[in-house]
Amino acid sequence: MLKFKARMPAEDRRRSERLAVRGLGKLQLGTGSLPRDCWISDLSDGGVRLHAEVEMPDEFILVLPGPNGARRECRVVWRLGHEIGAEFIDVFAPGFARRA
C-alpha cells in the first residue's frame, strides 16, 4: 500500500496579484509586422500568460483589447508548447491589471 504525505502549497513569488482574464489580444512581433491574434488567460501588473500559435520571439509588444488599447512591451519568461508567460519590461504601472 502506498502512503502519501500532504503537500505544502507552492510558494507564490509574484509581486502583484494575478487576475484570470479570458479574451483576445494582439501581438506585434517586430517592426513593420502585422499584428497577430493571441488568447490572454492571466494578467497581473507585472506580466501576462497567453496562448499564441505563432513563432514567438523573446521580446514582443502586447496590445490589449478595449477602448484604451494599452500597449505593453514584454519579454518571454517561460514557454510550454503554445502557452507563454511573459513579464512586462516597460514602466511598472501599479493597478494596471485591474484597469485593463
Protein backbone atom coordinates (compact mmCIF):
# COMPACT_ATOMS: atom_id res chain seq x y z
CA MET A 1 0.00 0.00 0.00
CA LEU A 2 1.32 3.43 -0.92
CA LYS A 3 1.34 6.27 1.57
CA PHE A 4 1.41 9.88 0.52
CA LYS A 5 2.27 12.94 2.55
CA ALA A 6 0.16 16.02 2.17
CA ARG A 7 1.97 18.57 0.03
CA MET A 8 2.57 22.07 1.20
CA PRO A 9 1.07 24.70 -1.06
CA ALA A 10 3.55 26.13 -3.55
CA GLU A 11 5.10 29.42 -2.54
CA ASP A 12 3.71 32.32 -4.53
CA ARG A 13 6.64 34.51 -5.59
CA ARG A 14 4.54 37.01 -7.51
CA ARG A 15 4.95 40.69 -6.76
CA SER A 16 1.39 41.50 -7.84
CA GLU A 17 -1.99 39.79 -7.87
CA ARG A 18 -2.78 37.59 -10.88
CA LEU A 19 -6.24 38.05 -12.38
CA ALA A 20 -7.96 35.45 -14.55
CA VAL A 21 -8.77 37.04 -17.89
CA ARG A 22 -10.41 35.44 -20.89
CA GLY A 23 -10.01 37.45 -24.04
CA LEU A 24 -8.23 38.14 -27.28
CA GLY A 25 -5.18 40.33 -27.60
CA LYS A 26 -2.84 41.29 -30.41
CA LEU A 27 0.87 40.61 -30.69
CA GLN A 28 3.26 42.92 -32.51
CA LEU A 29 6.23 40.64 -33.19
CA GLY A 30 8.57 43.04 -34.94
CA THR A 31 8.88 46.39 -36.65
CA GLY A 32 6.56 46.52 -39.63
CA SER A 33 4.96 43.12 -38.94
CA LEU A 34 1.22 42.68 -38.97
CA PRO A 35 -0.47 42.17 -35.59
CA ARG A 36 -1.22 38.52 -34.73
CA ASP A 37 -4.03 37.25 -32.51
CA CYS A 38 -3.42 35.63 -29.12
CA TRP A 39 -5.57 34.42 -26.24
CA ILE A 40 -4.88 36.05 -22.85
CA SER A 41 -5.65 33.85 -19.85
CA ASP A 42 -3.97 35.64 -16.89
CA LEU A 43 -2.88 39.21 -16.33
CA SER A 44 -1.07 40.96 -13.49
CA ASP A 45 0.70 44.28 -13.01
CA GLY A 46 3.98 42.52 -13.75
CA GLY A 47 3.16 40.15 -16.60
CA VAL A 48 0.82 38.03 -18.67
CA ARG A 49 0.07 34.42 -19.57
CA LEU A 50 -1.07 33.88 -23.11
CA HIS A 51 -1.60 31.29 -25.83
CA ALA A 52 -0.25 32.04 -29.30
CA GLU A 53 0.09 29.68 -32.24
CA VAL A 54 2.88 31.66 -33.87
CA GLU A 55 6.67 31.54 -33.59
CA MET A 56 7.33 33.90 -30.68
CA PRO A 57 10.49 36.00 -30.40
CA ASP A 58 11.97 36.61 -26.95
CA GLU A 59 10.56 40.16 -26.90
CA PHE A 60 7.30 41.49 -28.35
CA ILE A 61 4.57 44.07 -27.85
CA LEU A 62 1.17 43.04 -26.49
CA VAL A 63 -1.84 45.16 -27.45
CA LEU A 64 -4.73 44.67 -25.05
CA PRO A 65 -8.34 44.92 -26.20
CA GLY A 66 -10.60 47.72 -25.07
CA PRO A 67 -11.17 51.39 -25.69
CA ASN A 68 -7.70 52.42 -24.50
CA GLY A 69 -5.88 49.60 -26.37
CA ALA A 70 -2.95 49.57 -23.94
CA ARG A 71 0.39 48.52 -25.46
CA ARG A 72 2.92 46.76 -23.24
CA GLU A 73 6.48 45.68 -24.05
CA CYS A 74 7.03 42.05 -22.97
CA ARG A 75 9.86 39.54 -22.52
CA VAL A 76 9.20 35.79 -22.57
CA VAL A 77 9.95 34.16 -19.20
CA TRP A 78 8.75 30.61 -19.91
CA ARG A 79 7.26 28.55 -22.74
CA LEU A 80 5.14 25.41 -22.67
CA GLY A 81 4.08 24.50 -26.19
CA HIS A 82 1.95 27.38 -27.45
CA GLU A 83 1.48 28.76 -23.93
CA ILE A 84 3.77 31.63 -22.92
CA GLY A 85 4.48 33.50 -19.71
CA ALA A 86 5.91 36.97 -20.20
CA GLU A 87 6.93 39.83 -17.94
CA PHE A 88 6.30 43.47 -18.77
CA ILE A 89 9.60 45.27 -19.37
CA ASP A 90 8.26 48.77 -19.82
CA VAL A 91 7.38 51.10 -16.93
CA PHE A 92 5.82 49.32 -13.92
CA ALA A 93 2.23 50.53 -13.51
CA PRO A 94 0.63 49.60 -10.16
CA GLY A 95 -3.05 48.72 -10.63
CA PHE A 96 -2.64 48.16 -14.38
CA ALA A 97 -4.24 44.69 -14.36
CA ARG A 98 -7.42 45.89 -12.65
CA ARG A 99 -7.79 48.84 -15.05
CA ALA A 100 -7.27 46.64 -18.11
